[in-house]
Amino acid sequence: MTFISKSHRIPATAHNLVARKSGNGSNKGRLIWCAHIDAKKNTPGALDNATGVAVLLSLAERFQQYTGAPDLELVAFNGEDYYAIPGQMLYLQQNEGTFEDIQMVINIDGAGYIDSNTSLSFYNLAEHNTTELLTTAGEFDTIVQGEEWYEGDHSMFLQQGIPCMAVTSSNLHETVMNISHTPEDTLDKVNQVLLEDLVDFLYRMIIHPTS
């Protein structure tokens, strides 16, 4: 038996949307929320990563009247699982020399799986910042601190030494990764309450900080 795969790459032009909301001018830094928008052929992509994009859209709505200090930036990255990750590479090029103004990146990937909690992990953060975030998260029964993981867009910021928080399901490695990129990644495996709590937490950590 012989298997032959015939394929070729087709050059194309696309646009990666970046939404920005200016702060009140008292703080020159910016906070970035991101989620990737790619999915594999023949998979619905509910958890990987429609839930992350849904959270970004909900935050965009919440932050319409934002008047806080730092600038806010919401980025829907493309191509996380594909060769050369074109959207991410272009973003890095466009932001070259400006990473020092990023206070923190929050990456949302694989969140909202049923029978799980929302898991937070922290990278390059000062201990007091992590404590403050966990204090706010403690107001939600559905949000817990989880193990560090690196299979996401926060990794490219980690390499720049930028503080990051990664958000996913608490059973990421046991379950979510096993159905990711398969036909099993369907909407019935999403717990909407988890996403609602997550949006509330991400909004509250900016609007009502603990310190």
N, C-alpha and C. Protein backbone atom coordinates (compact mmCIF):
# COMPACT_ATOMS: atom_id res chain seq x y z
N MET A 1 0.85 -1.19 0.00
CA MET A 1 0.00 0.00 0.00
C MET A 1 0.89 1.24 0.00
N THR A 2 0.55 2.19 -0.83
CA THR A 2 1.31 3.44 -0.92
C THR A 2 0.40 4.62 -0.60
N PHE A 3 0.86 5.49 0.27
CA PHE A 3 0.10 6.69 0.61
C PHE A 3 0.82 7.89 0.04
N ILE A 4 0.13 8.66 -0.75
CA ILE A 4 0.72 9.85 -1.37
C ILE A 4 -0.08 11.07 -0.93
N SER A 5 0.59 12.04 -0.38
CA SER A 5 -0.05 13.28 0.05
C SER A 5 0.38 14.40 -0.89
N LYS A 6 -0.58 14.96 -1.60
CA LYS A 6 -0.29 16.05 -2.53
C LYS A 6 -0.84 17.36 -1.93
N SER A 7 0.04 18.28 -1.70
CA SER A 7 -0.38 19.55 -1.13
C SER A 7 0.57 20.65 -1.58
N HIS A 8 0.12 21.87 -1.45
CA HIS A 8 0.98 23.00 -1.76
C HIS A 8 0.49 24.22 -0.98
N ARG A 9 1.38 25.17 -0.78
CA ARG A 9 1.07 26.39 -0.05
C ARG A 9 0.62 27.46 -1.03
N ILE A 10 -0.39 28.22 -0.64
CA ILE A 10 -0.95 29.27 -1.48
C ILE A 10 -0.75 30.61 -0.78
N PRO A 11 0.03 31.52 -1.35
CA PRO A 11 0.22 32.84 -0.73
C PRO A 11 -1.12 33.58 -0.61
N ALA A 12 -1.31 34.23 0.52
CA ALA A 12 -2.55 34.97 0.74
C ALA A 12 -2.27 36.15 1.66
N THR A 13 -3.16 37.12 1.63
CA THR A 13 -3.05 38.29 2.49
C THR A 13 -4.24 38.32 3.43
N ALA A 14 -3.98 38.55 4.69
CA ALA A 14 -5.04 38.61 5.69
C ALA A 14 -4.73 39.73 6.67
N HIS A 15 -5.66 39.98 7.58
CA HIS A 15 -5.49 41.04 8.57
C HIS A 15 -5.71 40.47 9.96
N ASN A 16 -4.81 40.81 10.86
CA ASN A 16 -4.93 40.42 12.25
C ASN A 16 -5.42 41.64 13.04
N LEU A 17 -6.63 41.58 13.57
CA LEU A 17 -7.18 42.73 14.27
C LEU A 17 -6.58 42.88 15.67
N VAL A 18 -6.24 44.10 16.01
CA VAL A 18 -5.78 44.45 17.35
C VAL A 18 -6.65 45.59 17.85
N ALA A 19 -7.34 45.38 18.97
CA ALA A 19 -8.21 46.41 19.54
C ALA A 19 -7.48 47.09 20.70
N ARG A 20 -7.46 48.41 20.68
CA ARG A 20 -6.77 49.16 21.73
C ARG A 20 -7.71 50.17 22.38
N LYS A 21 -7.54 50.33 23.68
CA LYS A 21 -8.30 51.32 24.44
C LYS A 21 -7.30 52.11 25.28
N SER A 22 -7.22 53.41 25.02
CA SER A 22 -6.26 54.25 25.72
C SER A 22 -6.67 54.43 27.18
N GLY A 23 -5.66 54.48 28.05
CA GLY A 23 -5.92 54.75 29.46
C GLY A 23 -6.07 56.24 29.70
N ASN A 24 -6.03 56.64 30.96
CA ASN A 24 -6.26 58.04 31.30
C ASN A 24 -5.00 58.89 31.24
N GLY A 25 -3.88 58.30 30.81
CA GLY A 25 -2.66 59.07 30.64
C GLY A 25 -1.75 59.10 31.84
N SER A 26 -2.21 58.57 32.98
CA SER A 26 -1.38 58.57 34.18
C SER A 26 -0.41 57.41 34.23
N ASN A 27 -0.54 56.51 33.28
CA ASN A 27 0.32 55.32 33.24
C ASN A 27 0.64 55.02 31.78
N LYS A 28 1.92 54.99 31.44
CA LYS A 28 2.31 54.79 30.05
C LYS A 28 2.34 53.31 29.64
N GLY A 29 2.11 52.42 30.58
CA GLY A 29 2.17 51.00 30.27
C GLY A 29 0.90 50.50 29.61
N ARG A 30 0.94 49.22 29.18
CA ARG A 30 -0.24 48.60 28.58
C ARG A 30 -0.40 47.18 29.08
N LEU A 31 -1.64 46.73 29.10
CA LEU A 31 -1.99 45.36 29.44
C LEU A 31 -2.53 44.70 28.18
N ILE A 32 -2.13 43.46 27.94
CA ILE A 32 -2.53 42.76 26.73
C ILE A 32 -3.29 41.50 27.08
N TRP A 33 -4.48 41.35 26.49
CA TRP A 33 -5.22 40.09 26.53
C TRP A 33 -5.15 39.47 25.14
N CYS A 34 -4.89 38.18 25.05
CA CYS A 34 -4.80 37.55 23.73
C CYS A 34 -5.44 36.17 23.74
N ALA A 35 -5.85 35.75 22.55
CA ALA A 35 -6.39 34.40 22.32
C ALA A 35 -6.20 34.10 20.85
N HIS A 36 -5.86 32.87 20.51
CA HIS A 36 -5.64 32.56 19.09
C HIS A 36 -6.93 32.10 18.43
N ILE A 37 -7.03 32.34 17.13
CA ILE A 37 -8.29 32.13 16.41
C ILE A 37 -8.22 30.98 15.42
N ASP A 38 -7.14 30.24 15.38
CA ASP A 38 -7.05 29.17 14.40
C ASP A 38 -7.69 27.89 14.91
N ALA A 39 -8.08 27.02 13.99
CA ALA A 39 -8.58 25.69 14.31
C ALA A 39 -8.15 24.75 13.18
N LYS A 40 -8.23 23.48 13.42
CA LYS A 40 -7.85 22.50 12.40
C LYS A 40 -9.05 22.11 11.54
N LYS A 41 -8.77 21.67 10.34
CA LYS A 41 -9.82 21.23 9.43
C LYS A 41 -10.59 20.06 10.06
N ASN A 42 -11.91 20.08 9.89
CA ASN A 42 -12.81 19.03 10.39
C ASN A 42 -12.90 18.98 11.92
N THR A 43 -12.58 20.08 12.58
CA THR A 43 -12.82 20.16 14.02
C THR A 43 -13.55 21.46 14.32
N PRO A 44 -14.58 21.43 15.15
CA PRO A 44 -15.33 22.65 15.45
C PRO A 44 -14.50 23.71 16.19
N GLY A 45 -13.51 23.28 16.98
CA GLY A 45 -12.64 24.24 17.66
C GLY A 45 -13.30 25.00 18.79
N ALA A 46 -14.25 24.38 19.46
CA ALA A 46 -14.98 25.08 20.53
C ALA A 46 -14.05 25.51 21.66
N LEU A 47 -13.26 24.57 22.17
CA LEU A 47 -12.34 24.88 23.25
C LEU A 47 -10.99 25.40 22.75
N ASP A 48 -10.67 25.03 21.53
CA ASP A 48 -9.37 25.43 20.96
C ASP A 48 -9.59 26.15 19.63
N ASN A 49 -9.96 27.43 19.65
CA ASN A 49 -10.00 28.25 20.85
C ASN A 49 -11.14 29.27 20.77
N ALA A 50 -12.34 28.78 20.41
CA ALA A 50 -13.48 29.69 20.33
C ALA A 50 -13.81 30.30 21.69
N THR A 51 -13.62 29.55 22.76
CA THR A 51 -13.91 30.09 24.08
C THR A 51 -13.00 31.27 24.41
N GLY A 52 -11.74 31.17 24.03
CA GLY A 52 -10.82 32.28 24.27
C GLY A 52 -11.22 33.53 23.52
N VAL A 53 -11.62 33.36 22.26
CA VAL A 53 -12.06 34.50 21.46
C VAL A 53 -13.34 35.09 22.03
N ALA A 54 -14.25 34.25 22.52
CA ALA A 54 -15.49 34.73 23.13
C ALA A 54 -15.20 35.58 24.36
N VAL A 55 -14.20 35.17 25.14
CA VAL A 55 -13.81 35.96 26.30
C VAL A 55 -13.27 37.32 25.87
N LEU A 56 -12.45 37.36 24.82
CA LEU A 56 -11.93 38.63 24.31
C LEU A 56 -13.08 39.55 23.88
N LEU A 57 -14.06 39.01 23.18
CA LEU A 57 -15.18 39.83 22.72
C LEU A 57 -15.99 40.36 23.90
N SER A 58 -16.17 39.53 24.93
CA SER A 58 -16.89 39.98 26.12
C SER A 58 -16.13 41.08 26.84
N LEU A 59 -14.80 40.95 26.91
CA LEU A 59 -13.99 41.99 27.54
C LEU A 59 -14.05 43.29 26.76
N ALA A 60 -14.03 43.18 25.43
CA ALA A 60 -14.13 44.38 24.60
C ALA A 60 -15.41 45.15 24.91
N GLU A 61 -16.49 44.41 25.10
CA GLU A 61 -17.76 45.05 25.44
C GLU A 61 -17.71 45.68 26.82
N ARG A 62 -17.11 44.98 27.77
CA ARG A 62 -17.02 45.49 29.14
C ARG A 62 -16.17 46.77 29.22
N PHE A 63 -15.12 46.82 28.41
CA PHE A 63 -14.17 47.92 28.51
C PHE A 63 -14.52 49.13 27.64
N GLN A 64 -15.73 49.19 27.13
CA GLN A 64 -16.10 50.32 26.29
C GLN A 64 -15.98 51.65 27.02
N GLN A 65 -16.31 51.69 28.29
CA GLN A 65 -16.27 52.92 29.07
C GLN A 65 -15.05 52.96 30.00
N TYR A 66 -14.02 52.21 29.67
CA TYR A 66 -12.83 52.12 30.52
C TYR A 66 -12.14 53.47 30.66
N THR A 67 -11.79 53.84 31.89
CA THR A 67 -11.07 55.10 32.16
C THR A 67 -9.90 54.87 33.10
N GLY A 68 -9.39 53.64 33.15
CA GLY A 68 -8.29 53.32 34.05
C GLY A 68 -6.97 53.88 33.59
N ALA A 69 -5.89 53.50 34.28
CA ALA A 69 -4.58 54.07 34.01
C ALA A 69 -3.87 53.47 32.79
N PRO A 70 -3.59 52.15 32.77
CA PRO A 70 -2.83 51.62 31.63
C PRO A 70 -3.67 51.50 30.37
N ASP A 71 -3.01 51.55 29.23
CA ASP A 71 -3.68 51.26 27.97
C ASP A 71 -4.03 49.78 27.92
N LEU A 72 -5.12 49.44 27.24
CA LEU A 72 -5.53 48.05 27.08
C LEU A 72 -5.41 47.64 25.62
N GLU A 73 -5.03 46.38 25.41
CA GLU A 73 -4.88 45.87 24.05
C GLU A 73 -5.43 44.44 24.00
N LEU A 74 -6.34 44.19 23.07
CA LEU A 74 -6.90 42.86 22.87
C LEU A 74 -6.47 42.35 21.51
N VAL A 75 -5.84 41.18 21.49
CA VAL A 75 -5.26 40.66 20.25
C VAL A 75 -5.79 39.25 19.97
N ALA A 76 -6.35 39.07 18.79
CA ALA A 76 -6.76 37.73 18.34
C ALA A 76 -5.67 37.22 17.41
N PHE A 77 -4.74 36.46 17.94
CA PHE A 77 -3.64 35.94 17.14
C PHE A 77 -4.12 34.83 16.20
N ASN A 78 -3.42 34.67 15.09
CA ASN A 78 -3.77 33.57 14.17
C ASN A 78 -2.57 32.65 13.98
N GLY A 79 -2.86 31.42 13.65
CA GLY A 79 -1.81 30.49 13.23
C GLY A 79 -0.99 29.87 14.33
N GLU A 80 -1.49 29.80 15.55
CA GLU A 80 -0.68 29.26 16.65
C GLU A 80 -0.14 27.87 16.34
N ASP A 81 -0.95 27.05 15.69
CA ASP A 81 -0.56 25.66 15.45
C ASP A 81 0.00 25.43 14.05
N TYR A 82 0.30 26.50 13.34
CA TYR A 82 0.74 26.35 11.97
C TYR A 82 2.15 26.89 11.78
N TYR A 83 2.77 26.45 10.72
CA TYR A 83 4.15 26.83 10.42
C TYR A 83 4.32 28.34 10.34
N ALA A 84 5.34 28.86 11.01
CA ALA A 84 5.75 30.26 10.96
C ALA A 84 4.79 31.23 11.66
N ILE A 85 3.69 30.70 12.23
CA ILE A 85 2.72 31.53 12.96
C ILE A 85 2.73 32.99 12.48
N PRO A 86 2.19 33.25 11.29
CA PRO A 86 2.37 34.55 10.64
C PRO A 86 1.87 35.74 11.44
N GLY A 87 0.70 35.62 12.08
CA GLY A 87 0.19 36.75 12.84
C GLY A 87 1.09 37.10 14.01
N GLN A 88 1.54 36.09 14.74
CA GLN A 88 2.42 36.32 15.87
C GLN A 88 3.76 36.93 15.43
N MET A 89 4.32 36.41 14.34
CA MET A 89 5.60 36.92 13.86
C MET A 89 5.50 38.40 13.45
N LEU A 90 4.41 38.76 12.79
CA LEU A 90 4.21 40.14 12.40
C LEU A 90 4.04 41.03 13.63
N TYR A 91 3.29 40.53 14.62
CA TYR A 91 3.10 41.30 15.85
C TYR A 91 4.43 41.58 16.53
N LEU A 92 5.30 40.57 16.59
CA LEU A 92 6.62 40.75 17.20
C LEU A 92 7.42 41.80 16.44
N GLN A 93 7.35 41.76 15.12
CA GLN A 93 8.08 42.73 14.31
C GLN A 93 7.56 44.14 14.54
N GLN A 94 6.25 44.29 14.57
CA GLN A 94 5.65 45.61 14.73
C GLN A 94 5.90 46.19 16.13
N ASN A 95 6.12 45.32 17.11
CA ASN A 95 6.32 45.78 18.48
C ASN A 95 7.78 45.74 18.92
N GLU A 96 8.66 45.50 17.98
CA GLU A 96 10.08 45.45 18.32
C GLU A 96 10.53 46.78 18.94
N GLY A 97 11.18 46.68 20.09
CA GLY A 97 11.65 47.87 20.78
C GLY A 97 10.63 48.51 21.70
N THR A 98 9.42 47.94 21.78
CA THR A 98 8.39 48.55 22.64
C THR A 98 7.87 47.60 23.71
N PHE A 99 8.51 46.45 23.86
CA PHE A 99 8.01 45.47 24.82
C PHE A 99 8.17 45.92 26.27
N GLU A 100 9.04 46.89 26.51
CA GLU A 100 9.26 47.31 27.88
C GLU A 100 8.04 48.01 28.48
N ASP A 101 7.10 48.47 27.65
CA ASP A 101 5.92 49.13 28.20
C ASP A 101 4.78 48.17 28.51
N ILE A 102 4.98 46.88 28.26
CA ILE A 102 3.94 45.89 28.55
C ILE A 102 4.03 45.49 30.02
N GLN A 103 2.97 45.77 30.76
CA GLN A 103 2.95 45.42 32.17
C GLN A 103 2.65 43.94 32.38
N MET A 104 1.75 43.39 31.57
CA MET A 104 1.43 41.97 31.67
C MET A 104 0.65 41.52 30.45
N VAL A 105 0.83 40.25 30.09
CA VAL A 105 0.07 39.61 29.02
C VAL A 105 -0.80 38.51 29.63
N ILE A 106 -2.08 38.49 29.26
CA ILE A 106 -2.99 37.44 29.71
C ILE A 106 -3.42 36.64 28.49
N ASN A 107 -3.00 35.39 28.41
CA ASN A 107 -3.33 34.53 27.28
C ASN A 107 -4.42 33.54 27.67
N ILE A 108 -5.49 33.49 26.86
CA ILE A 108 -6.64 32.62 27.14
C ILE A 108 -6.70 31.54 26.08
N ASP A 109 -6.58 30.29 26.50
CA ASP A 109 -6.46 29.19 25.54
C ASP A 109 -7.00 27.91 26.18
N GLY A 110 -8.07 27.36 25.61
CA GLY A 110 -8.60 26.09 26.12
C GLY A 110 -9.40 26.21 27.39
N ALA A 111 -9.97 27.39 27.64
CA ALA A 111 -10.74 27.60 28.87
C ALA A 111 -12.18 27.14 28.71
N GLY A 112 -12.81 26.79 29.83
CA GLY A 112 -14.25 26.54 29.84
C GLY A 112 -14.71 25.11 29.70
N TYR A 113 -13.80 24.14 29.83
CA TYR A 113 -14.21 22.75 29.67
C TYR A 113 -15.11 22.31 30.83
N ILE A 114 -16.17 21.56 30.49
CA ILE A 114 -17.08 21.04 31.52
C ILE A 114 -16.32 20.15 32.49
N ASP A 115 -16.81 20.08 33.71
CA ASP A 115 -16.18 19.25 34.75
C ASP A 115 -14.76 19.68 35.05
N SER A 116 -14.50 20.99 34.93
CA SER A 116 -13.18 21.51 35.27
C SER A 116 -13.35 22.84 35.96
N ASN A 117 -12.24 23.40 36.41
CA ASN A 117 -12.19 24.77 36.86
C ASN A 117 -11.38 25.58 35.87
N THR A 118 -11.36 26.87 36.05
CA THR A 118 -10.47 27.72 35.26
C THR A 118 -9.15 27.81 35.99
N SER A 119 -8.08 27.54 35.27
CA SER A 119 -6.75 27.47 35.86
C SER A 119 -5.90 28.67 35.46
N LEU A 120 -5.27 29.29 36.46
CA LEU A 120 -4.36 30.41 36.22
C LEU A 120 -2.93 29.99 36.53
N SER A 121 -2.00 30.37 35.68
CA SER A 121 -0.58 30.15 35.96
C SER A 121 0.17 31.44 35.65
N PHE A 122 1.27 31.65 36.36
CA PHE A 122 1.95 32.94 36.36
C PHE A 122 3.43 32.79 35.99
N TYR A 123 3.93 33.78 35.27
CA TYR A 123 5.29 33.74 34.74
C TYR A 123 5.90 35.15 34.80
N ASN A 124 7.10 35.23 35.32
CA ASN A 124 7.85 36.50 35.37
C ASN A 124 7.15 37.58 36.22
N LEU A 125 6.22 37.18 37.07
CA LEU A 125 5.53 38.14 37.92
C LEU A 125 6.21 38.23 39.28
N ALA A 126 6.20 39.44 39.83
CA ALA A 126 6.66 39.60 41.21
C ALA A 126 5.68 38.89 42.14
N GLU A 127 6.18 38.44 43.26
CA GLU A 127 5.35 37.65 44.19
C GLU A 127 4.12 38.42 44.63
N HIS A 128 4.26 39.72 44.90
CA HIS A 128 3.11 40.48 45.38
C HIS A 128 2.05 40.63 44.29
N ASN A 129 2.47 40.69 43.02
CA ASN A 129 1.49 40.76 41.93
C ASN A 129 0.70 39.45 41.82
N THR A 130 1.40 38.33 41.95
CA THR A 130 0.73 37.03 41.92
C THR A 130 -0.25 36.91 43.07
N THR A 131 0.16 37.36 44.24
CA THR A 131 -0.72 37.31 45.42
C THR A 131 -1.98 38.14 45.21
N GLU A 132 -1.83 39.33 44.62
CA GLU A 132 -2.98 40.19 44.37
C GLU A 132 -3.96 39.54 43.39
N LEU A 133 -3.41 38.93 42.33
CA LEU A 133 -4.28 38.28 41.35
C LEU A 133 -5.01 37.09 41.95
N LEU A 134 -4.32 36.32 42.77
CA LEU A 134 -4.95 35.17 43.41
C LEU A 134 -5.99 35.61 44.44
N THR A 135 -5.78 36.76 45.07
CA THR A 135 -6.77 37.29 46.01
C THR A 135 -8.06 37.62 45.27
N THR A 136 -7.94 38.26 44.12
CA THR A 136 -9.12 38.57 43.31
C THR A 136 -9.77 37.30 42.79
N ALA A 137 -8.94 36.35 42.33
CA ALA A 137 -9.47 35.08 41.82
C ALA A 137 -10.19 34.31 42.91
N GLY A 138 -9.76 34.50 44.17
CA GLY A 138 -10.38 33.79 45.28
C GLY A 138 -11.84 34.15 45.50
N GLU A 139 -12.30 35.21 44.86
CA GLU A 139 -13.72 35.59 44.95
C GLU A 139 -14.60 34.70 44.08
N PHE A 140 -13.97 33.84 43.28
CA PHE A 140 -14.70 32.96 42.36
C PHE A 140 -14.38 31.50 42.68
N ASP A 141 -15.42 30.71 42.95
CA ASP A 141 -15.23 29.30 43.27
C ASP A 141 -14.70 28.50 42.07
N THR A 142 -14.85 29.04 40.87
CA THR A 142 -14.50 28.30 39.65
C THR A 142 -13.07 28.54 39.18
N ILE A 143 -12.32 29.40 39.88
CA ILE A 143 -10.97 29.77 39.43
C ILE A 143 -9.93 29.31 40.43
N VAL A 144 -8.91 28.62 39.95
CA VAL A 144 -7.86 28.08 40.82
C VAL A 144 -6.49 28.38 40.22
N GLN A 145 -5.46 28.23 41.03
CA GLN A 145 -4.10 28.31 40.51
C GLN A 145 -3.68 26.95 39.98
N GLY A 146 -3.09 26.92 38.80
CA GLY A 146 -2.69 25.66 38.19
C GLY A 146 -1.20 25.62 37.88
N GLU A 147 -0.78 24.54 37.26
CA GLU A 147 0.61 24.37 36.90
C GLU A 147 0.97 25.22 35.69
N GLU A 148 2.24 25.55 35.59
CA GLU A 148 2.73 26.28 34.42
C GLU A 148 2.67 25.40 33.18
N TRP A 149 2.40 25.99 32.05
CA TRP A 149 2.43 25.29 30.77
C TRP A 149 2.89 26.30 29.71
N TYR A 150 3.44 25.79 28.62
CA TYR A 150 4.11 26.67 27.68
C TYR A 150 3.63 26.51 26.23
N GLU A 151 2.59 25.70 26.02
CA GLU A 151 2.11 25.42 24.67
C GLU A 151 1.09 26.46 24.24
N GLY A 152 1.48 27.72 24.27
CA GLY A 152 0.54 28.78 23.92
C GLY A 152 1.25 30.07 23.57
N ASP A 153 0.47 31.09 23.21
CA ASP A 153 1.05 32.34 22.74
C ASP A 153 1.75 33.14 23.83
N HIS A 154 1.51 32.83 25.10
CA HIS A 154 2.24 33.54 26.14
C HIS A 154 3.73 33.25 26.10
N SER A 155 4.11 32.12 25.49
CA SER A 155 5.53 31.74 25.47
C SER A 155 6.39 32.75 24.74
N MET A 156 5.87 33.34 23.65
CA MET A 156 6.69 34.30 22.90
C MET A 156 6.93 35.58 23.72
N PHE A 157 6.02 35.87 24.65
CA PHE A 157 6.23 37.01 25.52
C PHE A 157 7.18 36.64 26.67
N LEU A 158 7.09 35.40 27.13
CA LEU A 158 8.00 34.95 28.19
C LEU A 158 9.43 35.09 27.75
N GLN A 159 9.70 34.80 26.48
CA GLN A 159 11.06 34.89 25.95
C GLN A 159 11.58 36.31 25.94
N GLN A 160 10.67 37.28 26.04
CA GLN A 160 11.06 38.68 26.12
C GLN A 160 11.16 39.16 27.57
N GLY A 161 10.91 38.24 28.52
CA GLY A 161 10.96 38.59 29.94
C GLY A 161 9.75 39.33 30.44
N ILE A 162 8.63 39.25 29.70
CA ILE A 162 7.42 39.99 30.05
C ILE A 162 6.58 39.19 31.04
N PRO A 163 6.03 39.84 32.07
CA PRO A 163 5.13 39.14 33.00
C PRO A 163 3.89 38.62 32.25
N CYS A 164 3.50 37.39 32.55
CA CYS A 164 2.36 36.77 31.86
C CYS A 164 1.49 36.00 32.84
N MET A 165 0.22 35.87 32.45
CA MET A 165 -0.70 34.96 33.11
C MET A 165 -1.39 34.14 32.03
N ALA A 166 -1.32 32.83 32.14
CA ALA A 166 -1.98 31.94 31.18
C ALA A 166 -3.25 31.40 31.80
N VAL A 167 -4.32 31.40 31.00
CA VAL A 167 -5.64 30.97 31.47
C VAL A 167 -6.10 29.79 30.63
N THR A 168 -6.49 28.71 31.29
CA THR A 168 -6.96 27.52 30.57
C THR A 168 -7.89 26.72 31.48
N SER A 169 -8.23 25.51 31.08
CA SER A 169 -9.01 24.61 31.93
C SER A 169 -8.07 23.84 32.85
N SER A 170 -8.55 23.51 34.03
CA SER A 170 -7.70 22.83 35.00
C SER A 170 -7.32 21.42 34.56
N ASN A 171 -8.08 20.85 33.61
CA ASN A 171 -7.73 19.53 33.09
C ASN A 171 -7.15 19.63 31.68
N LEU A 172 -6.37 20.67 31.44
CA LEU A 172 -5.79 20.92 30.12
C LEU A 172 -5.08 19.70 29.58
N HIS A 173 -4.11 19.17 30.32
CA HIS A 173 -3.30 18.07 29.81
C HIS A 173 -4.02 16.73 29.85
N GLU A 174 -4.90 16.54 30.84
CA GLU A 174 -5.58 15.25 30.95
C GLU A 174 -6.69 15.07 29.93
N THR A 175 -7.37 16.17 29.57
CA THR A 175 -8.56 16.05 28.73
C THR A 175 -8.56 16.98 27.53
N VAL A 176 -8.42 18.26 27.77
CA VAL A 176 -8.58 19.24 26.69
C VAL A 176 -7.63 18.99 25.54
N MET A 177 -6.37 18.72 25.84
CA MET A 177 -5.41 18.48 24.76
C MET A 177 -5.72 17.21 23.98
N ASN A 178 -6.42 16.27 24.61
CA ASN A 178 -6.76 15.03 23.92
C ASN A 178 -7.88 15.20 22.90
N ILE A 179 -8.73 16.20 23.11
CA ILE A 179 -9.81 16.43 22.14
C ILE A 179 -9.51 17.61 21.23
N SER A 180 -8.49 18.39 21.57
CA SER A 180 -8.11 19.51 20.72
C SER A 180 -7.70 19.01 19.34
N HIS A 181 -8.14 19.74 18.30
CA HIS A 181 -7.82 19.38 16.90
C HIS A 181 -8.50 18.09 16.48
N THR A 182 -9.60 17.74 17.13
CA THR A 182 -10.36 16.56 16.73
C THR A 182 -11.83 16.96 16.58
N PRO A 183 -12.64 16.11 15.95
CA PRO A 183 -14.08 16.40 15.83
C PRO A 183 -14.80 16.43 17.18
N GLU A 184 -14.12 15.98 18.25
CA GLU A 184 -14.74 15.97 19.58
C GLU A 184 -14.74 17.33 20.26
N ASP A 185 -14.05 18.31 19.68
CA ASP A 185 -13.96 19.63 20.30
C ASP A 185 -15.21 20.44 19.98
N THR A 186 -16.30 20.09 20.63
CA THR A 186 -17.62 20.63 20.31
C THR A 186 -18.17 21.51 21.43
N LEU A 187 -19.18 22.30 21.09
CA LEU A 187 -19.73 23.29 22.01
C LEU A 187 -20.36 22.66 23.25
N ASP A 188 -20.85 21.43 23.15
CA ASP A 188 -21.47 20.79 24.31
C ASP A 188 -20.47 20.49 25.42
N LYS A 189 -19.19 20.64 25.14
CA LYS A 189 -18.16 20.42 26.16
C LYS A 189 -17.73 21.72 26.83
N VAL A 190 -18.46 22.78 26.57
CA VAL A 190 -18.15 24.09 27.15
C VAL A 190 -19.13 24.43 28.26
N ASN A 191 -18.61 24.84 29.39
CA ASN A 191 -19.43 25.30 30.51
C ASN A 191 -19.45 26.83 30.47
N GLN A 192 -20.57 27.40 30.11
CA GLN A 192 -20.67 28.84 29.95
C GLN A 192 -20.45 29.58 31.27
N VAL A 193 -20.82 28.98 32.38
CA VAL A 193 -20.64 29.62 33.68
C VAL A 193 -19.16 29.88 33.95
N LEU A 194 -18.31 28.95 33.57
CA LEU A 194 -16.87 29.14 33.75
C LEU A 194 -16.40 30.37 32.98
N LEU A 195 -16.89 30.55 31.77
CA LEU A 195 -16.48 31.68 30.95
C LEU A 195 -17.01 33.00 31.52
N GLU A 196 -18.24 32.98 32.03
CA GLU A 196 -18.81 34.19 32.63
C GLU A 196 -18.00 34.61 33.85
N ASP A 197 -17.64 33.65 34.69
CA ASP A 197 -16.82 33.96 35.87
C ASP A 197 -15.44 34.47 35.44
N LEU A 198 -14.89 33.88 34.39
CA LEU A 198 -13.58 34.30 33.92
C LEU A 198 -13.61 35.75 33.44
N VAL A 199 -14.62 36.11 32.66
CA VAL A 199 -14.75 37.49 32.19
C VAL A 199 -14.88 38.44 33.38
N ASP A 200 -15.69 38.06 34.36
CA ASP A 200 -15.86 38.90 35.55
C ASP A 200 -14.52 39.09 36.26
N PHE A 201 -13.76 38.02 36.39
CA PHE A 201 -12.46 38.10 37.06
C PHE A 201 -11.50 39.00 36.29
N LEU A 202 -11.37 38.79 34.99
CA LEU A 202 -10.44 39.57 34.19
C LEU A 202 -10.82 41.05 34.17
N TYR A 203 -12.10 41.32 34.20
CA TYR A 203 -12.56 42.70 34.28
C TYR A 203 -12.27 43.30 35.65
N ARG A 204 -12.55 42.54 36.69
CA ARG A 204 -12.41 43.04 38.05
C ARG A 204 -10.94 43.27 38.41
N MET A 205 -10.04 42.47 37.87
CA MET A 205 -8.63 42.63 38.21
C MET A 205 -8.07 43.97 37.71
N ILE A 206 -8.78 44.58 36.76
CA ILE A 206 -8.36 45.89 36.26
C ILE A 206 -9.18 47.01 36.88
N ILE A 207 -10.48 46.84 36.95
CA ILE A 207 -11.36 47.89 37.44
C ILE A 207 -11.31 48.02 38.96
N HIS A 208 -11.19 46.87 39.65
CA HIS A 208 -11.15 46.88 41.11
C HIS A 208 -9.93 46.10 41.60
N PRO A 209 -8.73 46.63 41.40
CA PRO A 209 -7.54 45.91 41.85
C PRO A 209 -7.51 45.82 43.37
N THR A 210 -6.74 44.85 43.85
CA THR A 210 -6.69 44.63 45.30
C THR A 210 -5.79 45.65 45.99
N SER A 211 -4.99 46.37 45.24
CA SER A 211 -4.12 47.38 45.87
C SER A 211 -3.92 48.54 44.91
